[in-house]
Amino acid sequence: MNPSPHSNPQANLLKGNLELILLTLLQDEPKYGLEIVKEAAQRTGGYFNFKEGSLYPALHRLTQAKLLEAEFAYLPRGGSPVRFYRITEAGRKVLERKRQEFEEFTRAVEALTRPV
């Protein structure tokens, strides 16, 4: 039995804003998957706790759309190479547009939920 789509509103909000969230996390410097997961959790007090099943397909989609570039590199501590993701110029333009859309949406929701 599949759960109702309304049973996990946090997951629905995450899905609808994942592009904005990932581009934001990568705007300052390239990061690999585990860094993205840790930073999202740390910056949101654990609210965002990405799972591989949603993170890597989203990163792949953003790379395919040329909003991110990906390259393998070694971590300073050694080991196997990991894939680092870097935002592209096109990604920065999309990020700015997504931020504006989100701010407009947030203002509209706040206007509706404010006591009259």
PDB file of N, CA and C in Angstrom:
ATOM      1  N   MET A   1       0.849  -1.188   0.000  1.00  0.00           N
ATOM      2  CA  MET A   1       0.000   0.000   0.000  1.00  0.00           C
ATOM      3  C   MET A   1       0.888   1.242   0.000  1.00  0.00           C
ATOM      4  N   ASN A   2       0.631   2.145  -0.909  1.00  0.00           N
ATOM      5  CA  ASN A   2       1.401   3.378  -0.980  1.00  0.00           C
ATOM      6  C   ASN A   2       0.818   4.403  -0.027  1.00  0.00           C
ATOM      7  N   PRO A   3       1.714   5.122   0.686  1.00  0.00           N
ATOM      8  CA  PRO A   3       1.204   6.170   1.568  1.00  0.00           C
ATOM      9  C   PRO A   3       0.638   7.319   0.752  1.00  0.00           C
ATOM     10  N   SER A   4      -0.283   8.010   1.350  1.00  0.00           N
ATOM     11  CA  SER A   4      -0.870   9.185   0.709  1.00  0.00           C
ATOM     12  C   SER A   4       0.208  10.229   0.472  1.00  0.00           C
ATOM     13  N   PRO A   5       0.156  10.969  -0.644  1.00  0.00           N
ATOM     14  CA  PRO A   5       1.146  12.013  -0.871  1.00  0.00           C
ATOM     15  C   PRO A   5       1.095  13.097   0.201  1.00  0.00           C
ATOM     16  N   HIS A   6      -0.006  13.169   0.923  1.00  0.00           N
ATOM     17  CA  HIS A   6      -0.135  14.169   1.972  1.00  0.00           C
ATOM     18  C   HIS A   6       0.414  13.671   3.299  1.00  0.00           C
ATOM     19  N   SER A   7       0.848  12.409   3.348  1.00  0.00           N
ATOM     20  CA  SER A   7       1.314  11.850   4.609  1.00  0.00           C
ATOM     21  C   SER A   7       2.690  12.360   4.997  1.00  0.00           C
ATOM     22  N   ASN A   8       3.451  12.903   4.055  1.00  0.00           N
ATOM     23  CA  ASN A   8       4.763  13.437   4.367  1.00  0.00           C
ATOM     24  C   ASN A   8       4.940  14.798   3.696  1.00  0.00           C
ATOM     25  N   PRO A   9       4.359  15.838   4.288  1.00  0.00           N
ATOM     26  CA  PRO A   9       4.450  17.153   3.657  1.00  0.00           C
ATOM     27  C   PRO A   9       5.887  17.646   3.551  1.00  0.00           C
ATOM     28  N   GLN A  10       6.754  17.267   4.494  1.00  0.00           N
ATOM     29  CA  GLN A  10       8.155  17.678   4.426  1.00  0.00           C
ATOM     30  C   GLN A  10       8.802  17.157   3.141  1.00  0.00           C
ATOM     31  N   ALA A  11       8.528  15.904   2.790  1.00  0.00           N
ATOM     32  CA  ALA A  11       9.089  15.322   1.571  1.00  0.00           C
ATOM     33  C   ALA A  11       8.575  16.051   0.334  1.00  0.00           C
ATOM     34  N   ASN A  12       7.304  16.417   0.334  1.00  0.00           N
ATOM     35  CA  ASN A  12       6.745  17.147  -0.799  1.00  0.00           C
ATOM     36  C   ASN A  12       7.363  18.532  -0.944  1.00  0.00           C
ATOM     37  N   LEU A  13       7.575  19.212   0.185  1.00  0.00           N
ATOM     38  CA  LEU A  13       8.217  20.531   0.144  1.00  0.00           C
ATOM     39  C   LEU A  13       9.656  20.410  -0.329  1.00  0.00           C
ATOM     40  N   LEU A  14      10.345  19.385   0.136  1.00  0.00           N
ATOM     41  CA  LEU A  14      11.729  19.166  -0.277  1.00  0.00           C
ATOM     42  C   LEU A  14      11.803  18.923  -1.776  1.00  0.00           C
ATOM     43  N   LYS A  15      10.945  18.054  -2.267  1.00  0.00           N
ATOM     44  CA  LYS A  15      10.952  17.726  -3.693  1.00  0.00           C
ATOM     45  C   LYS A  15      10.718  18.968  -4.540  1.00  0.00           C
ATOM     46  N   GLY A  16       9.808  19.805  -4.123  1.00  0.00           N
ATOM     47  CA  GLY A  16       9.494  21.012  -4.871  1.00  0.00           C
ATOM     48  C   GLY A  16      10.564  22.081  -4.821  1.00  0.00           C
ATOM     49  N   ASN A  17      11.484  21.975  -3.878  1.00  0.00           N
ATOM     50  CA  ASN A  17      12.517  23.002  -3.709  1.00  0.00           C
ATOM     51  C   ASN A  17      13.935  22.445  -3.793  1.00  0.00           C
ATOM     52  N   LEU A  18      14.067  21.207  -4.211  1.00  0.00           N
ATOM     53  CA  LEU A  18      15.373  20.548  -4.205  1.00  0.00           C
ATOM     54  C   LEU A  18      16.386  21.261  -5.092  1.00  0.00           C
ATOM     55  N   GLU A  19      15.960  21.718  -6.255  1.00  0.00           N
ATOM     56  CA  GLU A  19      16.870  22.429  -7.152  1.00  0.00           C
ATOM     57  C   GLU A  19      17.415  23.682  -6.480  1.00  0.00           C
ATOM     58  N   LEU A  20      16.541  24.475  -5.876  1.00  0.00           N
ATOM     59  CA  LEU A  20      16.950  25.680  -5.156  1.00  0.00           C
ATOM     60  C   LEU A  20      17.919  25.333  -4.036  1.00  0.00           C
ATOM     61  N   ILE A  21      17.617  24.306  -3.277  1.00  0.00           N
ATOM     62  CA  ILE A  21      18.440  23.919  -2.134  1.00  0.00           C
ATOM     63  C   ILE A  21      19.835  23.475  -2.588  1.00  0.00           C
ATOM     64  N   LEU A  22      19.900  22.605  -3.585  1.00  0.00           N
ATOM     65  CA  LEU A  22      21.196  22.095  -4.034  1.00  0.00           C
ATOM     66  C   LEU A  22      22.042  23.187  -4.673  1.00  0.00           C
ATOM     67  N   LEU A  23      21.440  24.019  -5.505  1.00  0.00           N
ATOM     68  CA  LEU A  23      22.207  25.107  -6.112  1.00  0.00           C
ATOM     69  C   LEU A  23      22.726  26.072  -5.048  1.00  0.00           C
ATOM     70  N   THR A  24      21.917  26.325  -4.023  1.00  0.00           N
ATOM     71  CA  THR A  24      22.348  27.190  -2.922  1.00  0.00           C
ATOM     72  C   THR A  24      23.540  26.586  -2.192  1.00  0.00           C
ATOM     73  N   LEU A  25      23.480  25.296  -1.903  1.00  0.00           N
ATOM     74  CA  LEU A  25      24.568  24.637  -1.180  1.00  0.00           C
ATOM     75  C   LEU A  25      25.871  24.612  -1.982  1.00  0.00           C
ATOM     76  N   LEU A  26      25.761  24.715  -3.299  1.00  0.00           N
ATOM     77  CA  LEU A  26      26.953  24.647  -4.149  1.00  0.00           C
ATOM     78  C   LEU A  26      27.392  26.010  -4.681  1.00  0.00           C
ATOM     79  N   GLN A  27      26.741  27.079  -4.257  1.00  0.00           N
ATOM     80  CA  GLN A  27      27.045  28.389  -4.826  1.00  0.00           C
ATOM     81  C   GLN A  27      28.429  28.916  -4.462  1.00  0.00           C
ATOM     82  N   ASP A  28      28.984  28.529  -3.332  1.00  0.00           N
ATOM     83  CA  ASP A  28      30.257  29.100  -2.893  1.00  0.00           C
ATOM     84  C   ASP A  28      31.479  28.266  -3.261  1.00  0.00           C
ATOM     85  N   GLU A  29      31.309  26.947  -3.293  1.00  0.00           N
ATOM     86  CA  GLU A  29      32.449  26.079  -3.597  1.00  0.00           C
ATOM     87  C   GLU A  29      31.956  24.698  -4.003  1.00  0.00           C
ATOM     88  N   PRO A  30      32.762  23.973  -4.779  1.00  0.00           N
ATOM     89  CA  PRO A  30      32.387  22.611  -5.155  1.00  0.00           C
ATOM     90  C   PRO A  30      32.326  21.713  -3.913  1.00  0.00           C
ATOM     91  N   LYS A  31      31.428  20.746  -3.968  1.00  0.00           N
ATOM     92  CA  LYS A  31      31.276  19.798  -2.868  1.00  0.00           C
ATOM     93  C   LYS A  31      30.975  18.427  -3.438  1.00  0.00           C
ATOM     94  N   TYR A  32      31.285  17.395  -2.667  1.00  0.00           N
ATOM     95  CA  TYR A  32      30.899  16.041  -3.035  1.00  0.00           C
ATOM     96  C   TYR A  32      29.667  15.663  -2.233  1.00  0.00           C
ATOM     97  N   GLY A  33      29.038  14.557  -2.599  1.00  0.00           N
ATOM     98  CA  GLY A  33      27.751  14.171  -2.038  1.00  0.00           C
ATOM     99  C   GLY A  33      27.645  14.224  -0.534  1.00  0.00           C
ATOM    100  N   LEU A  34      28.579  13.581   0.176  1.00  0.00           N
ATOM    101  CA  LEU A  34      28.496  13.547   1.638  1.00  0.00           C
ATOM    102  C   LEU A  34      28.632  14.940   2.239  1.00  0.00           C
ATOM    103  N   GLU A  35      29.449  15.800   1.623  1.00  0.00           N
ATOM    104  CA  GLU A  35      29.557  17.184   2.101  1.00  0.00           C
ATOM    105  C   GLU A  35      28.223  17.911   1.962  1.00  0.00           C
ATOM    106  N   ILE A  36      27.551  17.680   0.855  1.00  0.00           N
ATOM    107  CA  ILE A  36      26.247  18.314   0.615  1.00  0.00           C
ATOM    108  C   ILE A  36      25.255  17.864   1.684  1.00  0.00           C
ATOM    109  N   VAL A  37      25.221  16.567   1.939  1.00  0.00           N
ATOM    110  CA  VAL A  37      24.313  16.010   2.950  1.00  0.00           C
ATOM    111  C   VAL A  37      24.597  16.621   4.318  1.00  0.00           C
ATOM    112  N   LYS A  38      25.877  16.645   4.703  1.00  0.00           N
ATOM    113  CA  LYS A  38      26.257  17.162   6.026  1.00  0.00           C
ATOM    114  C   LYS A  38      25.954  18.643   6.166  1.00  0.00           C
ATOM    115  N   GLU A  39      26.270  19.422   5.137  1.00  0.00           N
ATOM    116  CA  GLU A  39      26.025  20.862   5.225  1.00  0.00           C
ATOM    117  C   GLU A  39      24.536  21.175   5.281  1.00  0.00           C
ATOM    118  N   ALA A  40      23.736  20.464   4.498  1.00  0.00           N
ATOM    119  CA  ALA A  40      22.285  20.688   4.526  1.00  0.00           C
ATOM    120  C   ALA A  40      21.735  20.384   5.915  1.00  0.00           C
ATOM    121  N   ALA A  41      22.156  19.281   6.495  1.00  0.00           N
ATOM    122  CA  ALA A  41      21.684  18.906   7.833  1.00  0.00           C
ATOM    123  C   ALA A  41      22.156  19.919   8.877  1.00  0.00           C
ATOM    124  N   GLN A  42      23.413  20.315   8.788  1.00  0.00           N
ATOM    125  CA  GLN A  42      23.972  21.234   9.773  1.00  0.00           C
ATOM    126  C   GLN A  42      23.320  22.611   9.691  1.00  0.00           C
ATOM    127  N   ARG A  43      23.158  23.134   8.476  1.00  0.00           N
ATOM    128  CA  ARG A  43      22.607  24.480   8.310  1.00  0.00           C
ATOM    129  C   ARG A  43      21.125  24.550   8.630  1.00  0.00           C
ATOM    130  N   THR A  44      20.434  23.419   8.615  1.00  0.00           N
ATOM    131  CA  THR A  44      18.991  23.419   8.892  1.00  0.00           C
ATOM    132  C   THR A  44      18.648  22.736  10.210  1.00  0.00           C
ATOM    133  N   GLY A  45      19.638  22.519  11.049  1.00  0.00           N
ATOM    134  CA  GLY A  45      19.374  21.863  12.326  1.00  0.00           C
ATOM    135  C   GLY A  45      18.802  20.466  12.159  1.00  0.00           C
ATOM    136  N   GLY A  46      19.182  19.786  11.071  1.00  0.00           N
ATOM    137  CA  GLY A  46      18.721  18.426  10.833  1.00  0.00           C
ATOM    138  C   GLY A  46      17.406  18.323  10.082  1.00  0.00           C
ATOM    139  N   TYR A  47      16.800  19.455   9.744  1.00  0.00           N
ATOM    140  CA  TYR A  47      15.517  19.418   9.021  1.00  0.00           C
ATOM    141  C   TYR A  47      15.674  18.723   7.682  1.00  0.00           C
ATOM    142  N   PHE A  48      16.752  19.056   6.965  1.00  0.00           N
ATOM    143  CA  PHE A  48      17.043  18.382   5.702  1.00  0.00           C
ATOM    144  C   PHE A  48      18.065  17.298   5.945  1.00  0.00           C
ATOM    145  N   ASN A  49      17.638  16.070   5.712  1.00  0.00           N
ATOM    146  CA  ASN A  49      18.505  14.912   5.864  1.00  0.00           C
ATOM    147  C   ASN A  49      18.371  14.103   4.578  1.00  0.00           C
ATOM    148  N   PHE A  50      19.165  14.486   3.575  1.00  0.00           N
ATOM    149  CA  PHE A  50      19.057  13.866   2.259  1.00  0.00           C
ATOM    150  C   PHE A  50      19.396  12.388   2.293  1.00  0.00           C
ATOM    151  N   LYS A  51      18.686  11.650   1.487  1.00  0.00           N
ATOM    152  CA  LYS A  51      18.959  10.237   1.264  1.00  0.00           C
ATOM    153  C   LYS A  51      19.571  10.102  -0.126  1.00  0.00           C
ATOM    154  N   GLU A  52      20.419   9.091  -0.296  1.00  0.00           N
ATOM    155  CA  GLU A  52      21.069   8.880  -1.592  1.00  0.00           C
ATOM    156  C   GLU A  52      20.050   8.757  -2.720  1.00  0.00           C
ATOM    157  N   GLY A  53      18.907   8.136  -2.431  1.00  0.00           N
ATOM    158  CA  GLY A  53      17.896   7.903  -3.450  1.00  0.00           C
ATOM    159  C   GLY A  53      17.288   9.174  -4.016  1.00  0.00           C
ATOM    160  N   SER A  54      17.386  10.297  -3.292  1.00  0.00           N
ATOM    161  CA  SER A  54      16.881  11.566  -3.822  1.00  0.00           C
ATOM    162  C   SER A  54      18.023  12.500  -4.200  1.00  0.00           C
ATOM    163  N   LEU A  55      19.133  12.439  -3.478  1.00  0.00           N
ATOM    164  CA  LEU A  55      20.236  13.362  -3.725  1.00  0.00           C
ATOM    165  C   LEU A  55      20.908  13.112  -5.070  1.00  0.00           C
ATOM    166  N   TYR A  56      21.376  11.902  -5.293  1.00  0.00           N
ATOM    167  CA  TYR A  56      22.175  11.645  -6.494  1.00  0.00           C
ATOM    168  C   TYR A  56      21.371  11.744  -7.797  1.00  0.00           C
ATOM    169  N   PRO A  57      20.141  11.292  -7.842  1.00  0.00           N
ATOM    170  CA  PRO A  57      19.365  11.538  -9.071  1.00  0.00           C
ATOM    171  C   PRO A  57      19.167  13.036  -9.332  1.00  0.00           C
ATOM    172  N   ALA A  58      18.973  13.818  -8.283  1.00  0.00           N
ATOM    173  CA  ALA A  58      18.802  15.266  -8.456  1.00  0.00           C
ATOM    174  C   ALA A  58      20.099  15.904  -8.945  1.00  0.00           C
ATOM    175  N   LEU A  59      21.228  15.507  -8.380  1.00  0.00           N
ATOM    176  CA  LEU A  59      22.517  16.031  -8.834  1.00  0.00           C
ATOM    177  C   LEU A  59      22.759  15.651 -10.292  1.00  0.00           C
ATOM    178  N   HIS A  60      22.385  14.440 -10.654  1.00  0.00           N
ATOM    179  CA  HIS A  60      22.544  13.989 -12.033  1.00  0.00           C
ATOM    180  C   HIS A  60      21.671  14.829 -12.977  1.00  0.00           C
ATOM    181  N   ARG A  61      20.422  15.072 -12.585  1.00  0.00           N
ATOM    182  CA  ARG A  61      19.519  15.898 -13.412  1.00  0.00           C
ATOM    183  C   ARG A  61      20.083  17.309 -13.604  1.00  0.00           C
ATOM    184  N   LEU A  62      20.606  17.886 -12.524  1.00  0.00           N
ATOM    185  CA  LEU A  62      21.159  19.234 -12.610  1.00  0.00           C
ATOM    186  C   LEU A  62      22.418  19.260 -13.473  1.00  0.00           C
ATOM    187  N   THR A  63      23.186  18.189 -13.442  1.00  0.00           N
ATOM    188  CA  THR A  63      24.374  18.084 -14.293  1.00  0.00           C
ATOM    189  C   THR A  63      23.955  17.934 -15.751  1.00  0.00           C
ATOM    190  N   GLN A  64      22.955  17.091 -16.004  1.00  0.00           N
ATOM    191  CA  GLN A  64      22.452  16.904 -17.368  1.00  0.00           C
ATOM    192  C   GLN A  64      21.904  18.216 -17.932  1.00  0.00           C
ATOM    193  N   ALA A  65      21.304  19.034 -17.064  1.00  0.00           N
ATOM    194  CA  ALA A  65      20.732  20.315 -17.476  1.00  0.00           C
ATOM    195  C   ALA A  65      21.795  21.414 -17.577  1.00  0.00           C
ATOM    196  N   LYS A  66      23.054  21.060 -17.324  1.00  0.00           N
ATOM    197  CA  LYS A  66      24.191  21.999 -17.409  1.00  0.00           C
ATOM    198  C   LYS A  66      24.140  23.087 -16.342  1.00  0.00           C
ATOM    199  N   LEU A  67      23.411  22.818 -15.237  1.00  0.00           N
ATOM    200  CA  LEU A  67      23.383  23.752 -14.114  1.00  0.00           C
ATOM    201  C   LEU A  67      24.516  23.458 -13.142  1.00  0.00           C
ATOM    202  N   LEU A  68      25.032  22.226 -13.213  1.00  0.00           N
ATOM    203  CA  LEU A  68      26.196  21.799 -12.435  1.00  0.00           C
ATOM    204  C   LEU A  68      27.185  21.121 -13.362  1.00  0.00           C
ATOM    205  N   GLU A  69      28.444  21.137 -12.952  1.00  0.00           N
ATOM    206  CA  GLU A  69      29.477  20.328 -13.580  1.00  0.00           C
ATOM    207  C   GLU A  69      29.964  19.351 -12.525  1.00  0.00           C
ATOM    208  N   ALA A  70      30.367  18.178 -12.964  1.00  0.00           N
ATOM    209  CA  ALA A  70      30.844  17.160 -12.031  1.00  0.00           C
ATOM    210  C   ALA A  70      32.203  16.658 -12.492  1.00  0.00           C
ATOM    211  N   GLU A  71      33.097  16.471 -11.535  1.00  0.00           N
ATOM    212  CA  GLU A  71      34.387  15.885 -11.859  1.00  0.00           C
ATOM    213  C   GLU A  71      34.895  15.086 -10.659  1.00  0.00           C
ATOM    214  N   PHE A  72      35.634  14.049 -10.963  1.00  0.00           N
ATOM    215  CA  PHE A  72      36.210  13.227  -9.912  1.00  0.00           C
ATOM    216  C   PHE A  72      37.502  13.852  -9.418  1.00  0.00           C
ATOM    217  N   ALA A  73      37.711  13.799  -8.111  1.00  0.00           N
ATOM    218  CA  ALA A  73      38.943  14.284  -7.496  1.00  0.00           C
ATOM    219  C   ALA A  73      39.169  13.485  -6.217  1.00  0.00           C
ATOM    220  N   TYR A  74      40.409  13.487  -5.767  1.00  0.00           N
ATOM    221  CA  TYR A  74      40.752  12.805  -4.522  1.00  0.00           C
ATOM    222  C   TYR A  74      40.592  13.758  -3.351  1.00  0.00           C
ATOM    223  N   LEU A  75      40.152  13.223  -2.229  1.00  0.00           N
ATOM    224  CA  LEU A  75      40.093  13.998  -1.000  1.00  0.00           C
ATOM    225  C   LEU A  75      41.512  14.105  -0.446  1.00  0.00           C
ATOM    226  N   PRO A  76      41.793  15.152   0.334  1.00  0.00           N
ATOM    227  CA  PRO A  76      43.142  15.314   0.893  1.00  0.00           C
ATOM    228  C   PRO A  76      43.597  14.106   1.728  1.00  0.00           C
ATOM    229  N   ARG A  77      42.676  13.410   2.335  1.00  0.00           N
ATOM    230  CA  ARG A  77      43.045  12.271   3.183  1.00  0.00           C
ATOM    231  C   ARG A  77      43.243  10.986   2.377  1.00  0.00           C
ATOM    232  N   GLY A  78      43.089  11.060   1.066  1.00  0.00           N
ATOM    233  CA  GLY A  78      43.328   9.898   0.216  1.00  0.00           C
ATOM    234  C   GLY A  78      42.073   9.082  -0.009  1.00  0.00           C
ATOM    235  N   GLY A  79      42.278   7.837  -0.422  1.00  0.00           N
ATOM    236  CA  GLY A  79      41.155   6.962  -0.703  1.00  0.00           C
ATOM    237  C   GLY A  79      40.760   7.041  -2.164  1.00  0.00           C
ATOM    238  N   SER A  80      39.581   6.560  -2.454  1.00  0.00           N
ATOM    239  CA  SER A  80      39.066   6.573  -3.817  1.00  0.00           C
ATOM    240  C   SER A  80      38.633   7.985  -4.202  1.00  0.00           C
ATOM    241  N   PRO A  81      38.677   8.306  -5.477  1.00  0.00           N
ATOM    242  CA  PRO A  81      38.197   9.635  -5.886  1.00  0.00           C
ATOM    243  C   PRO A  81      36.691   9.745  -5.675  1.00  0.00           C
ATOM    244  N   VAL A  82      36.245  10.952  -5.425  1.00  0.00           N
ATOM    245  CA  VAL A  82      34.821  11.236  -5.259  1.00  0.00           C
ATOM    246  C   VAL A  82      34.412  12.268  -6.301  1.00  0.00           C
ATOM    247  N   ARG A  83      33.128  12.300  -6.599  1.00  0.00           N
ATOM    248  CA  ARG A  83      32.617  13.239  -7.596  1.00  0.00           C
ATOM    249  C   ARG A  83      32.264  14.560  -6.916  1.00  0.00           C
ATOM    250  N   PHE A  84      32.923  15.617  -7.351  1.00  0.00           N
ATOM    251  CA  PHE A  84      32.642  16.952  -6.859  1.00  0.00           C
ATOM    252  C   PHE A  84      31.702  17.637  -7.838  1.00  0.00           C
ATOM    253  N   TYR A  85      30.752  18.394  -7.283  1.00  0.00           N
ATOM    254  CA  TYR A  85      29.786  19.129  -8.084  1.00  0.00           C
ATOM    255  C   TYR A  85      30.062  20.618  -7.930  1.00  0.00           C
ATOM    256  N   ARG A  86      30.032  21.332  -9.054  1.00  0.00           N
ATOM    257  CA  ARG A  86      30.302  22.767  -9.094  1.00  0.00           C
ATOM    258  C   ARG A  86      29.173  23.433  -9.872  1.00  0.00           C
ATOM    259  N   ILE A  87      28.696  24.564  -9.368  1.00  0.00           N
ATOM    260  CA  ILE A  87      27.632  25.293 -10.060  1.00  0.00           C
ATOM    261  C   ILE A  87      28.213  25.984 -11.300  1.00  0.00           C
ATOM    262  N   THR A  88      27.451  26.001 -12.372  1.00  0.00           N
ATOM    263  CA  THR A  88      27.855  26.667 -13.610  1.00  0.00           C
ATOM    264  C   THR A  88      27.259  28.074 -13.644  1.00  0.00           C
ATOM    265  N   GLU A  89      27.652  28.837 -14.636  1.00  0.00           N
ATOM    266  CA  GLU A  89      27.076  30.177 -14.793  1.00  0.00           C
ATOM    267  C   GLU A  89      25.569  30.071 -15.046  1.00  0.00           C
ATOM    268  N   ALA A  90      25.162  29.098 -15.855  1.00  0.00           N
ATOM    269  CA  ALA A  90      23.727  28.874 -16.090  1.00  0.00           C
ATOM    270  C   ALA A  90      23.034  28.508 -14.779  1.00  0.00           C
ATOM    271  N   GLY A  91      23.698  27.725 -13.944  1.00  0.00           N
ATOM    272  CA  GLY A  91      23.152  27.348 -12.645  1.00  0.00           C
ATOM    273  C   GLY A  91      22.962  28.554 -11.744  1.00  0.00           C
ATOM    274  N   ARG A  92      23.906  29.489 -11.803  1.00  0.00           N
ATOM    275  CA  ARG A  92      23.792  30.710 -10.990  1.00  0.00           C
ATOM    276  C   ARG A  92      22.586  31.550 -11.424  1.00  0.00           C
ATOM    277  N   LYS A  93      22.346  31.606 -12.721  1.00  0.00           N
ATOM    278  CA  LYS A  93      21.191  32.361 -13.220  1.00  0.00           C
ATOM    279  C   LYS A  93      19.888  31.703 -12.778  1.00  0.00           C
ATOM    280  N   VAL A  94      19.833  30.372 -12.850  1.00  0.00           N
ATOM    281  CA  VAL A  94      18.642  29.644 -12.397  1.00  0.00           C
ATOM    282  C   VAL A  94      18.464  29.822 -10.897  1.00  0.00           C
ATOM    283  N   LEU A  95      19.560  29.782 -10.149  1.00  0.00           N
ATOM    284  CA  LEU A  95      19.497  29.971  -8.696  1.00  0.00           C
ATOM    285  C   LEU A  95      18.893  31.330  -8.366  1.00  0.00           C
ATOM    286  N   GLU A  96      19.330  32.365  -9.036  1.00  0.00           N
ATOM    287  CA  GLU A  96      18.794  33.701  -8.774  1.00  0.00           C
ATOM    288  C   GLU A  96      17.295  33.748  -9.071  1.00  0.00           C
ATOM    289  N   ARG A  97      16.884  33.170 -10.192  1.00  0.00           N
ATOM    290  CA  ARG A  97      15.460  33.143 -10.539  1.00  0.00           C
ATOM    291  C   ARG A  97      14.660  32.344  -9.512  1.00  0.00           C
ATOM    292  N   LYS A  98      15.188  31.181  -9.105  1.00  0.00           N
ATOM    293  CA  LYS A  98      14.494  30.341  -8.112  1.00  0.00           C
ATOM    294  C   LYS A  98      14.372  31.071  -6.780  1.00  0.00           C
ATOM    295  N   ARG A  99      15.409  31.797  -6.396  1.00  0.00           N
ATOM    296  CA  ARG A  99      15.351  32.570  -5.143  1.00  0.00           C
ATOM    297  C   ARG A  99      14.249  33.612  -5.194  1.00  0.00           C
ATOM    298  N   GLN A 100      14.162  34.329  -6.308  1.00  0.00           N
ATOM    299  CA  GLN A 100      13.122  35.347  -6.454  1.00  0.00           C
ATOM    300  C   GLN A 100      11.733  34.719  -6.397  1.00  0.00           C
ATOM    301  N   GLU A 101      11.559  33.593  -7.092  1.00  0.00           N
ATOM    302  CA  GLU A 101      10.268  32.895  -7.080  1.00  0.00           C
ATOM    303  C   GLU A 101       9.914  32.445  -5.668  1.00  0.00           C
ATOM    304  N   PHE A 102      10.907  31.911  -4.944  1.00  0.00           N
ATOM    305  CA  PHE A 102      10.666  31.424  -3.591  1.00  0.00           C
ATOM    306  C   PHE A 102      10.306  32.577  -2.657  1.00  0.00           C
ATOM    307  N   GLU A 103      11.010  33.706  -2.794  1.00  0.00           N
ATOM    308  CA  GLU A 103      10.708  34.864  -1.947  1.00  0.00           C
ATOM    309  C   GLU A 103       9.290  35.379  -2.203  1.00  0.00           C
ATOM    310  N   GLU A 104       8.875  35.437  -3.464  1.00  0.00           N
ATOM    311  CA  GLU A 104       7.518  35.862  -3.799  1.00  0.00           C
ATOM    312  C   GLU A 104       6.494  34.895  -3.214  1.00  0.00           C
ATOM    313  N   PHE A 105       6.757  33.604  -3.366  1.00  0.00           N
ATOM    314  CA  PHE A 105       5.863  32.580  -2.832  1.00  0.00           C
ATOM    315  C   PHE A 105       5.757  32.704  -1.311  1.00  0.00           C
ATOM    316  N   THR A 106       6.907  32.867  -0.648  1.00  0.00           N
ATOM    317  CA  THR A 106       6.927  32.971   0.814  1.00  0.00           C
ATOM    318  C   THR A 106       6.133  34.192   1.284  1.00  0.00           C
ATOM    319  N   ARG A 107       6.321  35.327   0.602  1.00  0.00           N
ATOM    320  CA  ARG A 107       5.559  36.533   0.973  1.00  0.00           C
ATOM    321  C   ARG A 107       4.056  36.306   0.807  1.00  0.00           C
ATOM    322  N   ALA A 108       3.665  35.626  -0.264  1.00  0.00           N
ATOM    323  CA  ALA A 108       2.246  35.375  -0.497  1.00  0.00           C
ATOM    324  C   ALA A 108       1.675  34.448   0.567  1.00  0.00           C
ATOM    325  N   VAL A 109       2.404  33.399   0.925  1.00  0.00           N
ATOM    326  CA  VAL A 109       1.927  32.485   1.965  1.00  0.00           C
ATOM    327  C   VAL A 109       1.849  33.205   3.309  1.00  0.00           C
ATOM    328  N   GLU A 110       2.849  34.021   3.619  1.00  0.00           N
ATOM    329  CA  GLU A 110       2.822  34.774   4.873  1.00  0.00           C
ATOM    330  C   GLU A 110       1.630  35.727   4.913  1.00  0.00           C
ATOM    331  N   ALA A 111       1.318  36.340   3.777  1.00  0.00           N
ATOM    332  CA  ALA A 111       0.163  37.256   3.727  1.00  0.00           C
ATOM    333  C   ALA A 111      -1.138  36.501   3.984  1.00  0.00           C
ATOM    334  N   LEU A 112      -1.223  35.275   3.503  1.00  0.00           N
ATOM    335  CA  LEU A 112      -2.433  34.478   3.710  1.00  0.00           C
ATOM    336  C   LEU A 112      -2.543  33.921   5.119  1.00  0.00           C
ATOM    337  N   THR A 113      -1.433  33.624   5.734  1.00  0.00           N
ATOM    338  CA  THR A 113      -1.468  32.975   7.051  1.00  0.00           C
ATOM    339  C   THR A 113      -1.389  33.950   8.220  1.00  0.00           C
ATOM    340  N   ARG A 114      -1.143  35.210   7.937  1.00  0.00           N
ATOM    341  CA  ARG A 114      -1.099  36.233   8.978  1.00  0.00           C
ATOM    342  C   ARG A 114      -2.509  36.448   9.529  1.00  0.00           C
ATOM    343  N   PRO A 115      -2.640  36.563  10.829  1.00  0.00           N
ATOM    344  CA  PRO A 115      -3.972  36.847  11.393  1.00  0.00           C
ATOM    345  C   PRO A 115      -4.520  38.160  10.827  1.00  0.00           C
ATOM    346  N   VAL A 116      -5.804  38.161  10.569  1.00  0.00           N
ATOM    347  CA  VAL A 116      -6.454  39.337   9.971  1.00  0.00           C
ATOM    348  C   VAL A 116      -6.814  40.331  11.054  1.00  0.00           C
TER     349      VAL A 116
END
